[in-house]
Amino acid sequence: MTNAPLPTARPIDGVEPGFPPGLPNAFRFAAFNALSFQMVLGSPMILYAKSLGASATVIGLVAGMMPLLVIFQIPAASHIGRIGYRRFVVAGWSTRVGFIFGMALLPWTEAFLDAQTRLALLLALLFCFNLSRGISSSAWLPWITSLVPPAIRGRYLARDAGVANLASFAAFVMAGGALAGETRPWQFSLIFAFSALTGAVSLTFLNRIPDMPAPDEPRRSTLNVPWLEMARYAPFRKLLRAVVAFSIAYGGLTAFSVSFLKVSIGMNEGTILFVTSVAFLGGVASLWFLGPRLDQMGSRPVLGLVCALWGVVLTGWMAIAGRLVPPHLTLLLALQFLMGLLAALTNMANNRHAMAVIPTMGRNHFFAIYSVVSNVTLGLAPIGWGLLMDVFGARAPLWLGLEWNPYTLFFAASLIAFAATGILVRRLDEPGAVGMDQLLRDVLIESPQRFWLRFWPRS
């Protein structure tokens, strides 16, 4: 496999085509899908598991199960061409909605099941939910890559992230209201039922997204697919290294920050959800931050900038966890906003770069490798972090002016991992990408100037 030239980051001939007919249904699907999955994969599920007595290791398992089970994309990729993109995704999404209804019934079993049994059943339902998602999601990125023209993929990803984050913010506000006051099991049942219903609605829009023919690839068994040769393709290999480093750094950050707010600061569930909902406003802000910039300037400068900003965020969390600064609400909201913004920017930039470097031949299998490597690392990371925190235990020695409790240790280790990610990002192959200085100039100087010039009086 040769190192073919990468597509330019700029639109061809300066023309940006519009979205293909039917693609707006993908944004509607993203909205209802976010309303659904945030309840069972986000902070509400972490808080429910915590109410059942889950340890840090179990919290890490809950957080890591979804990305970990993406490993089933590897065997699933060989069947996409036979079944078709849309049919493959719809089948998996329909199956997982059924398991959400099971989760909605689980809190009502409190009368005859103890907490440990309910926690075990919860983990079993989450396993089945994430297994069906992991298999069917193998067709999603190849489908969207085939449907969206290269020149507007960054614009599509930015809008998709904006819609999903706005819906996620609404979901967390509603969940925060539902869990206000002294939390009862029926309140968790209510938000899980809402998740199931909105998941069912999302299927109607998923069925309306135009289907695309899968590339005509040789019908071979998975044993004959050149997985190792694909992974050695130089631009793709460099992307995998950067994604693995990011997954280690980011894995568990959302789950353990929620756990920190509950255990160390003593917030109730409703307040925690209102605080963490601000992260999704940061995700919405990514639409303004990038807009067309991702297509015009490339993914590499965006990834370099976000790695630096992640360092700022983790320093803030370390200062709070280490008792160096008090956990003022304003500071917590600012950190959550930045976390949402940076997570959205990282996801968009990584996916766009993958769309650029992955060749058409073998696309399904390339995307399977990309998703599996990144998500399995993202799934193992919180389990590893949770084990590390449980082993460290209740110790809290003082060093460098900080109290080094398990959460301080976790945030510090994540900071180091983001520094390593920044080094790997600089090695990505992306002809046409600008330098980080040009991105900063556009964001901090040129964009504000263009905004104020709209109001400048004209003679």
Protein backbone atom coordinates (compact mmCIF):
# COMPACT_ATOMS: atom_id res chain seq x y z
CA MET A 1 0.00 0.00 0.00
CA THR A 2 1.58 3.26 -1.11
CA ASN A 3 1.46 6.62 0.57
CA ALA A 4 -0.92 8.33 -1.80
CA PRO A 5 -1.21 12.12 -1.60
CA LEU A 6 -3.85 13.24 0.85
CA PRO A 7 -6.82 15.31 -0.26
CA THR A 8 -6.42 19.01 0.23
CA ALA A 9 -8.04 20.54 3.28
CA ARG A 10 -9.58 23.29 1.17
CA PRO A 11 -12.71 23.08 -1.00
CA ILE A 12 -12.01 22.29 -4.65
CA ASP A 13 -12.00 25.44 -6.81
CA GLY A 14 -13.16 27.43 -3.79
CA VAL A 15 -16.72 26.08 -4.17
CA GLU A 16 -18.53 24.56 -1.20
CA PRO A 17 -21.39 22.31 -2.32
CA GLY A 18 -24.54 22.16 -0.23
CA PHE A 19 -25.62 19.20 1.85
CA PRO A 20 -26.99 16.29 -0.20
CA PRO A 21 -30.78 15.87 -0.27
CA GLY A 22 -32.02 13.95 2.74
CA LEU A 23 -28.92 14.60 4.86
CA PRO A 24 -30.79 16.96 7.25
CA ASN A 25 -32.45 13.80 8.57
CA ALA A 26 -29.02 12.86 9.93
CA PHE A 27 -29.10 16.00 12.11
CA ARG A 28 -32.61 15.15 13.35
CA PHE A 29 -31.44 11.64 14.11
CA ALA A 30 -28.43 13.05 15.96
CA ALA A 31 -30.69 15.23 18.13
CA PHE A 32 -33.05 12.46 19.26
CA ASN A 33 -30.20 9.96 19.52
CA ALA A 34 -28.38 12.34 21.89
CA LEU A 35 -31.52 12.79 23.99
CA SER A 36 -31.58 9.00 24.28
CA PHE A 37 -28.01 7.85 24.79
CA GLN A 38 -26.96 10.58 27.22
CA MET A 39 -29.31 9.08 29.80
CA VAL A 40 -27.81 5.60 29.64
CA LEU A 41 -24.21 6.33 28.68
CA GLY A 42 -23.65 9.64 30.46
CA SER A 43 -23.71 11.04 33.97
CA PRO A 44 -27.25 9.82 34.89
CA MET A 45 -26.10 6.21 34.51
CA ILE A 46 -22.91 6.90 36.49
CA LEU A 47 -25.02 8.39 39.28
CA TYR A 48 -27.43 5.43 39.24
CA ALA A 49 -24.54 2.97 39.44
CA LYS A 50 -23.07 5.03 42.28
CA SER A 51 -26.41 4.85 44.12
CA LEU A 52 -26.13 1.05 43.93
CA GLY A 53 -22.71 1.14 45.63
CA ALA A 54 -20.44 0.89 42.57
CA SER A 55 -16.70 1.22 43.29
CA ALA A 56 -14.30 3.27 41.17
CA THR A 57 -13.39 0.15 39.19
CA VAL A 58 -17.07 -0.58 38.44
CA ILE A 59 -17.62 3.07 37.49
CA GLY A 60 -14.68 2.69 35.10
CA LEU A 61 -16.30 -0.44 33.67
CA VAL A 62 -19.61 1.37 33.15
CA ALA A 63 -17.83 4.26 31.43
CA GLY A 64 -15.58 1.99 29.36
CA MET A 65 -18.06 -0.66 28.26
CA MET A 66 -19.46 1.30 25.32
CA PRO A 67 -16.14 2.05 23.60
CA LEU A 68 -14.72 -1.34 24.59
CA LEU A 69 -17.42 -3.30 22.76
CA VAL A 70 -16.72 -1.42 19.55
CA ILE A 71 -14.17 -4.20 19.02
CA PHE A 72 -17.00 -6.15 17.38
CA GLN A 73 -16.77 -3.78 14.42
CA ILE A 74 -13.87 -5.92 13.19
CA PRO A 75 -15.96 -9.05 12.41
CA ALA A 76 -19.01 -6.93 11.54
CA ALA A 77 -17.22 -4.93 8.80
CA SER A 78 -17.18 -7.90 6.42
CA HIS A 79 -20.99 -8.10 6.40
CA ILE A 80 -21.80 -4.44 5.66
CA GLY A 81 -21.57 -4.82 1.87
CA ARG A 82 -23.99 -7.74 1.89
CA ILE A 83 -26.57 -6.09 4.18
CA GLY A 84 -26.20 -2.41 3.25
CA TYR A 85 -25.32 0.66 5.31
CA ARG A 86 -28.77 1.82 6.42
CA ARG A 87 -30.22 -1.61 7.09
CA PHE A 88 -27.15 -2.55 9.14
CA VAL A 89 -27.30 0.56 11.36
CA VAL A 90 -31.08 0.50 11.80
CA ALA A 91 -31.03 -3.14 12.94
CA GLY A 92 -28.48 -2.43 15.68
CA TRP A 93 -30.09 0.81 16.85
CA SER A 94 -33.52 -0.88 17.06
CA THR A 95 -32.10 -3.70 19.16
CA ARG A 96 -30.43 -1.39 21.63
CA VAL A 97 -33.65 0.57 22.20
CA GLY A 98 -35.21 -2.66 23.48
CA PHE A 99 -32.50 -2.97 26.14
CA ILE A 100 -33.13 0.62 27.29
CA PHE A 101 -36.73 -0.34 28.09
CA GLY A 102 -35.25 -3.10 30.28
CA MET A 103 -33.14 -0.52 32.12
CA ALA A 104 -36.26 1.58 32.74
CA LEU A 105 -37.84 -1.36 34.57
CA LEU A 106 -34.77 -2.16 36.69
CA PRO A 107 -35.21 0.52 39.42
CA TRP A 108 -38.68 -0.88 40.20
CA THR A 109 -37.09 -4.17 41.31
CA GLU A 110 -35.82 -2.53 44.51
CA ALA A 111 -38.64 -4.18 46.47
CA PHE A 112 -37.32 -7.71 45.90
CA LEU A 113 -33.69 -7.39 44.69
CA ASP A 114 -30.74 -6.10 46.70
CA ALA A 115 -28.39 -3.38 45.40
CA GLN A 116 -25.62 -5.77 44.30
CA THR A 117 -28.05 -7.89 42.26
CA ARG A 118 -29.50 -4.80 40.60
CA LEU A 119 -25.98 -3.58 39.82
CA ALA A 120 -25.16 -6.93 38.21
CA LEU A 121 -28.35 -6.80 36.12
CA LEU A 122 -27.53 -3.22 35.13
CA LEU A 123 -24.09 -4.27 33.90
CA ALA A 124 -25.67 -7.13 31.92
CA LEU A 125 -28.18 -4.80 30.24
CA LEU A 126 -25.44 -2.27 29.49
CA PHE A 127 -23.35 -5.05 27.97
CA CYS A 128 -26.17 -6.10 25.62
CA PHE A 129 -26.98 -2.47 24.76
CA ASN A 130 -23.38 -1.65 23.93
CA LEU A 131 -22.82 -4.91 22.07
CA SER A 132 -25.64 -4.17 19.62
CA ARG A 133 -24.38 -0.60 19.27
CA GLY A 134 -20.79 -1.72 18.75
CA ILE A 135 -21.70 -4.08 15.93
CA SER A 136 -24.03 -1.74 14.05
CA SER A 137 -21.87 1.37 14.40
CA SER A 138 -19.30 -0.17 12.05
CA ALA A 139 -21.43 1.02 9.13
CA TRP A 140 -22.02 4.59 10.33
CA LEU A 141 -18.76 6.38 9.40
CA PRO A 142 -18.38 4.59 6.01
CA TRP A 143 -22.01 5.50 5.25
CA ILE A 144 -21.56 9.19 6.12
CA THR A 145 -18.19 9.33 4.32
CA SER A 146 -19.87 8.03 1.15
CA LEU A 147 -22.79 10.44 1.49
CA VAL A 148 -21.03 13.72 2.38
CA PRO A 149 -18.74 15.36 -0.25
CA PRO A 150 -15.11 15.81 0.92
CA ALA A 151 -15.22 19.61 0.71
CA ILE A 152 -17.98 19.92 3.34
CA ARG A 153 -17.19 17.07 5.71
CA GLY A 154 -15.81 19.43 8.33
CA ARG A 155 -18.95 21.58 8.05
CA TYR A 156 -21.13 18.49 8.41
CA LEU A 157 -19.20 17.26 11.46
CA ALA A 158 -19.35 20.69 13.10
CA ARG A 159 -23.11 20.97 12.61
CA ASP A 160 -23.67 17.39 13.71
CA ALA A 161 -21.68 18.05 16.89
CA GLY A 162 -23.59 21.28 17.52
CA VAL A 163 -26.98 19.57 17.18
CA ALA A 164 -25.95 16.60 19.33
CA ASN A 165 -24.51 18.80 22.07
CA LEU A 166 -27.54 21.08 22.15
CA ALA A 167 -29.80 18.04 22.53
CA SER A 168 -27.46 16.60 25.17
CA PHE A 169 -27.67 19.85 27.12
CA ALA A 170 -31.46 19.64 27.04
CA ALA A 171 -31.27 16.00 28.15
CA PHE A 172 -29.11 16.83 31.16
CA VAL A 173 -31.30 19.76 32.19
CA MET A 174 -34.34 17.49 32.10
CA ALA A 175 -32.47 14.75 33.97
CA GLY A 176 -31.31 17.28 36.56
CA GLY A 177 -34.91 18.36 37.10
CA ALA A 178 -36.06 14.75 37.34
CA LEU A 179 -33.40 13.94 39.97
CA ALA A 180 -33.89 17.09 42.02
CA GLY A 181 -34.08 16.72 45.78
CA GLU A 182 -33.72 13.39 47.53
CA THR A 183 -33.35 10.87 44.72
CA ARG A 184 -35.68 7.86 44.54
CA PRO A 185 -35.37 4.83 42.21
CA TRP A 186 -38.51 5.76 40.27
CA GLN A 187 -36.82 9.00 39.20
CA PHE A 188 -34.05 7.01 37.46
CA SER A 189 -36.74 4.82 35.91
CA LEU A 190 -38.39 7.95 34.51
CA ILE A 191 -35.28 9.22 32.75
CA PHE A 192 -34.43 5.77 31.37
CA ALA A 193 -37.98 5.50 29.96
CA PHE A 194 -37.50 8.91 28.34
CA SER A 195 -34.27 7.56 26.83
CA ALA A 196 -36.10 4.58 25.34
CA LEU A 197 -38.87 6.71 23.83
CA THR A 198 -36.55 9.26 22.24
CA GLY A 199 -34.40 6.40 20.94
CA ALA A 200 -37.46 4.97 19.23
CA VAL A 201 -38.23 8.36 17.66
CA SER A 202 -34.65 8.65 16.37
CA LEU A 203 -35.18 5.48 14.31
CA THR A 204 -37.76 7.23 12.12
CA PHE A 205 -35.18 9.81 11.02
CA LEU A 206 -32.45 7.20 10.67
CA ASN A 207 -34.62 5.38 8.14
CA ARG A 208 -34.95 8.60 6.10
CA ILE A 209 -31.22 9.18 5.61
CA PRO A 210 -30.39 8.30 1.98
CA ASP A 211 -28.70 4.94 1.68
CA MET A 212 -25.48 4.61 -0.30
CA PRO A 213 -24.05 1.55 -2.05
CA ALA A 214 -21.14 0.00 -0.20
CA PRO A 215 -17.87 -0.19 -2.19
CA ASP A 216 -17.64 -3.30 -4.34
CA GLU A 217 -14.95 -5.14 -2.40
CA PRO A 218 -13.84 -8.73 -2.82
CA ARG A 219 -16.05 -11.16 -0.90
CA ARG A 220 -13.38 -12.71 1.30
CA SER A 221 -13.43 -14.10 4.79
CA THR A 222 -12.16 -11.91 7.60
CA LEU A 223 -9.09 -14.14 7.81
CA ASN A 224 -7.94 -12.89 4.42
CA VAL A 225 -8.38 -9.18 5.13
CA PRO A 226 -4.89 -7.57 5.30
CA TRP A 227 -5.50 -5.97 8.70
CA LEU A 228 -1.80 -5.61 9.55
CA GLU A 229 -0.95 -4.02 6.20
CA MET A 230 -3.81 -1.55 6.64
CA ALA A 231 -2.58 -0.61 10.10
CA ARG A 232 0.91 -0.03 8.67
CA TYR A 233 -0.30 2.49 6.06
CA ALA A 234 1.83 5.46 7.17
CA PRO A 235 -0.74 8.32 7.37
CA PHE A 236 -3.25 5.97 8.98
CA ARG A 237 -0.69 4.58 11.44
CA LYS A 238 0.20 8.06 12.65
CA LEU A 239 -3.48 8.86 13.17
CA LEU A 240 -3.96 5.65 15.17
CA ARG A 241 -1.07 6.53 17.47
CA ALA A 242 -2.49 9.99 18.18
CA VAL A 243 -6.00 8.62 18.74
CA VAL A 244 -4.74 5.95 21.16
CA ALA A 245 -2.88 8.59 23.18
CA PHE A 246 -5.97 10.81 23.27
CA SER A 247 -8.18 7.89 24.35
CA ILE A 248 -5.85 7.09 27.25
CA ALA A 249 -5.82 10.73 28.32
CA TYR A 250 -9.56 11.33 27.96
CA GLY A 251 -10.86 7.91 29.02
CA GLY A 252 -12.76 8.20 32.27
CA LEU A 253 -12.42 11.98 32.54
CA THR A 254 -16.17 12.58 32.39
CA ALA A 255 -17.05 9.67 34.69
CA PHE A 256 -14.46 10.44 37.36
CA SER A 257 -15.15 14.17 37.34
CA VAL A 258 -18.81 13.30 38.07
CA SER A 259 -17.69 10.89 40.79
CA PHE A 260 -15.42 13.61 42.22
CA LEU A 261 -18.32 16.08 42.42
CA LYS A 262 -20.41 13.47 44.24
CA VAL A 263 -17.81 11.95 46.59
CA SER A 264 -15.36 14.75 47.34
CA ILE A 265 -17.52 17.86 47.04
CA GLY A 266 -20.80 16.27 48.15
CA MET A 267 -23.11 17.60 45.44
CA ASN A 268 -26.50 15.95 45.02
CA GLU A 269 -27.45 14.25 41.76
CA GLY A 270 -29.61 17.06 40.40
CA THR A 271 -26.94 19.73 40.96
CA ILE A 272 -24.27 17.52 39.40
CA LEU A 273 -26.34 17.09 36.25
CA PHE A 274 -26.99 20.83 35.98
CA VAL A 275 -23.26 21.54 36.39
CA THR A 276 -22.15 18.88 33.89
CA SER A 277 -24.80 19.98 31.37
CA VAL A 278 -22.67 23.08 30.73
CA ALA A 279 -20.20 20.80 28.93
CA PHE A 280 -22.72 20.44 26.13
CA LEU A 281 -22.97 24.20 25.75
CA GLY A 282 -19.24 24.01 25.15
CA GLY A 283 -19.93 21.40 22.51
CA VAL A 284 -22.43 23.73 20.84
CA ALA A 285 -19.82 26.51 20.93
CA SER A 286 -17.58 24.28 18.82
CA LEU A 287 -19.89 25.06 15.89
CA TRP A 288 -18.87 28.73 16.12
CA PHE A 289 -15.26 27.94 16.96
CA LEU A 290 -14.71 25.81 13.88
CA GLY A 291 -17.53 26.44 11.43
CA PRO A 292 -15.82 26.23 8.05
CA ARG A 293 -12.33 26.43 9.59
CA LEU A 294 -11.93 22.66 9.81
CA ASP A 295 -12.26 22.32 6.03
CA GLN A 296 -10.20 25.43 5.32
CA MET A 297 -7.34 24.93 7.79
CA GLY A 298 -7.19 21.20 8.40
CA SER A 299 -7.42 18.92 11.42
CA ARG A 300 -3.82 19.00 12.68
CA PRO A 301 -3.73 22.61 13.99
CA VAL A 302 -7.08 22.10 15.73
CA LEU A 303 -5.81 18.96 17.46
CA GLY A 304 -2.60 20.71 18.51
CA LEU A 305 -4.53 23.60 20.02
CA VAL A 306 -6.97 21.41 21.94
CA CYS A 307 -4.15 19.35 23.46
CA ALA A 308 -2.67 22.55 24.89
CA LEU A 309 -6.05 23.65 26.22
CA TRP A 310 -6.65 20.24 27.79
CA GLY A 311 -3.52 20.92 29.83
CA VAL A 312 -5.15 24.06 31.20
CA VAL A 313 -8.34 22.18 32.08
CA LEU A 314 -6.54 19.34 33.85
CA THR A 315 -4.43 21.82 35.82
CA GLY A 316 -7.69 23.37 37.06
CA TRP A 317 -9.09 19.99 38.14
CA MET A 318 -5.81 19.14 39.90
CA ALA A 319 -5.92 22.41 41.83
CA ILE A 320 -9.46 21.71 43.03
CA ALA A 321 -8.89 18.03 43.84
CA GLY A 322 -5.63 18.86 45.62
CA ARG A 323 -7.37 21.44 47.85
CA LEU A 324 -5.24 24.24 46.43
CA VAL A 325 -8.28 26.27 45.36
CA PRO A 326 -11.87 25.96 46.61
CA PRO A 327 -14.47 24.40 44.27
CA HIS A 328 -16.29 27.61 43.38
CA LEU A 329 -19.30 27.03 41.18
CA THR A 330 -18.02 29.50 38.57
CA LEU A 331 -14.75 27.60 38.23
CA LEU A 332 -16.53 24.25 37.94
CA LEU A 333 -18.84 25.61 35.24
CA ALA A 334 -15.88 27.04 33.30
CA LEU A 335 -14.05 23.70 33.43
CA GLN A 336 -17.14 21.81 32.29
CA PHE A 337 -17.70 24.25 29.41
CA LEU A 338 -14.11 23.83 28.22
CA MET A 339 -14.30 20.04 28.55
CA GLY A 340 -17.35 19.95 26.28
CA LEU A 341 -15.78 22.31 23.77
CA LEU A 342 -12.48 20.44 23.61
CA ALA A 343 -14.08 16.99 23.44
CA ALA A 344 -16.24 18.10 20.50
CA LEU A 345 -13.30 19.69 18.68
CA THR A 346 -11.14 16.59 19.17
CA ASN A 347 -13.84 14.24 17.92
CA MET A 348 -14.58 16.34 14.85
CA ALA A 349 -10.93 16.82 13.93
CA ASN A 350 -10.07 13.13 14.39
CA ASN A 351 -13.03 11.93 12.34
CA ARG A 352 -12.38 14.40 9.54
CA HIS A 353 -8.72 13.40 9.42
CA ALA A 354 -9.74 9.74 9.24
CA MET A 355 -12.10 10.52 6.35
CA ALA A 356 -9.20 12.21 4.56
CA VAL A 357 -6.51 9.56 4.98
CA ILE A 358 -8.62 6.40 4.58
CA PRO A 359 -8.68 5.24 0.94
CA THR A 360 -11.89 4.14 -0.81
CA MET A 361 -10.71 0.56 -1.29
CA GLY A 362 -11.11 -1.24 2.01
CA ARG A 363 -12.94 1.72 3.55
CA ASN A 364 -15.23 -0.41 5.74
CA HIS A 365 -12.28 -2.30 7.22
CA PHE A 366 -10.12 0.82 7.64
CA PHE A 367 -12.91 2.52 9.58
CA ALA A 368 -13.39 -0.64 11.63
CA ILE A 369 -9.72 -0.54 12.64
CA TYR A 370 -9.91 3.17 13.41
CA SER A 371 -13.05 2.83 15.53
CA VAL A 372 -11.91 -0.31 17.32
CA VAL A 373 -8.42 0.94 18.19
CA SER A 374 -9.68 4.29 19.47
CA ASN A 375 -12.73 2.97 21.28
CA VAL A 376 -11.14 -0.10 22.84
CA THR A 377 -8.43 2.16 24.28
CA LEU A 378 -11.14 4.57 25.39
CA GLY A 379 -12.88 1.66 27.09
CA LEU A 380 -9.84 0.17 28.80
CA ALA A 381 -8.53 3.53 30.02
CA PRO A 382 -11.24 4.26 32.63
CA ILE A 383 -11.05 0.68 33.92
CA GLY A 384 -7.30 1.09 34.35
CA TRP A 385 -7.69 4.51 35.96
CA GLY A 386 -10.36 3.10 38.30
CA LEU A 387 -8.09 0.26 39.36
CA LEU A 388 -5.25 2.72 39.97
CA MET A 389 -7.49 4.90 42.12
CA ASP A 390 -8.80 1.93 44.12
CA VAL A 391 -5.25 0.66 44.71
CA PHE A 392 -4.11 4.13 45.81
CA GLY A 393 -6.95 4.07 48.33
CA ALA A 394 -7.72 6.75 50.88
CA ARG A 395 -4.15 8.08 51.16
CA ALA A 396 -3.77 11.84 50.80
CA PRO A 397 -0.12 12.92 51.24
CA LEU A 398 0.87 16.56 50.72
CA TRP A 399 3.40 17.34 47.98
CA LEU A 400 4.06 20.52 45.94
CA GLY A 401 1.29 22.23 47.85
CA LEU A 402 -1.33 19.69 46.72
CA GLU A 403 -3.19 16.96 48.55
CA TRP A 404 -2.49 13.84 46.45
CA ASN A 405 -5.69 11.86 46.81
CA PRO A 406 -6.91 9.40 44.12
CA TYR A 407 -8.60 12.16 42.08
CA THR A 408 -5.53 14.41 42.10
CA LEU A 409 -3.49 11.42 40.90
CA PHE A 410 -5.96 10.71 38.09
CA PHE A 411 -6.08 14.30 36.81
CA ALA A 412 -2.26 14.55 36.90
CA ALA A 413 -1.84 11.31 34.94
CA SER A 414 -4.38 12.50 32.37
CA LEU A 415 -2.44 15.77 32.00
CA ILE A 416 0.75 13.85 31.21
CA ALA A 417 -1.10 11.72 28.65
CA PHE A 418 -2.40 14.84 26.87
CA ALA A 419 1.13 16.19 26.65
CA ALA A 420 2.18 12.97 24.89
CA THR A 421 -0.82 13.30 22.57
CA GLY A 422 0.28 16.77 21.54
CA ILE A 423 3.68 15.40 20.47
CA LEU A 424 2.06 12.71 18.30
CA VAL A 425 -0.36 15.19 16.72
CA ARG A 426 2.57 17.20 15.33
CA ARG A 427 3.60 14.13 13.29
CA LEU A 428 0.27 13.71 11.46
CA ASP A 429 0.39 13.82 7.64
CA GLU A 430 -1.94 16.51 6.32
CA PRO A 431 -0.85 18.47 3.24
CA GLY A 432 -2.74 21.75 3.02
CA ALA A 433 -3.11 22.11 6.79
CA VAL A 434 -2.08 25.49 8.21
CA GLY A 435 0.05 26.13 11.27
CA MET A 436 -1.43 26.59 14.73
CA ASP A 437 -0.36 30.25 14.67
CA GLN A 438 -2.62 30.89 11.65
CA LEU A 439 -5.54 29.15 13.37
CA LEU A 440 -5.05 31.27 16.48
CA ARG A 441 -4.81 34.43 14.39
CA ASP A 442 -8.09 33.63 12.67
CA VAL A 443 -9.92 32.73 15.91
CA LEU A 444 -8.57 35.49 18.16
CA ILE A 445 -7.98 38.38 15.76
CA GLU A 446 -9.53 38.08 12.31
CA SER A 447 -12.91 36.61 13.32
CA PRO A 448 -13.58 39.26 16.02
CA GLN A 449 -12.56 41.95 13.54
CA ARG A 450 -15.01 40.63 10.95
CA PHE A 451 -17.74 40.58 13.61
CA TRP A 452 -17.26 44.21 14.70
CA LEU A 453 -16.84 45.47 11.13
CA ARG A 454 -20.46 44.49 10.50
CA PHE A 455 -21.48 47.26 12.92
CA TRP A 456 -18.91 49.83 11.76
CA PRO A 457 -20.59 52.86 10.14
CA ARG A 458 -20.05 53.02 6.39
CA SER A 459 -19.76 56.34 4.59
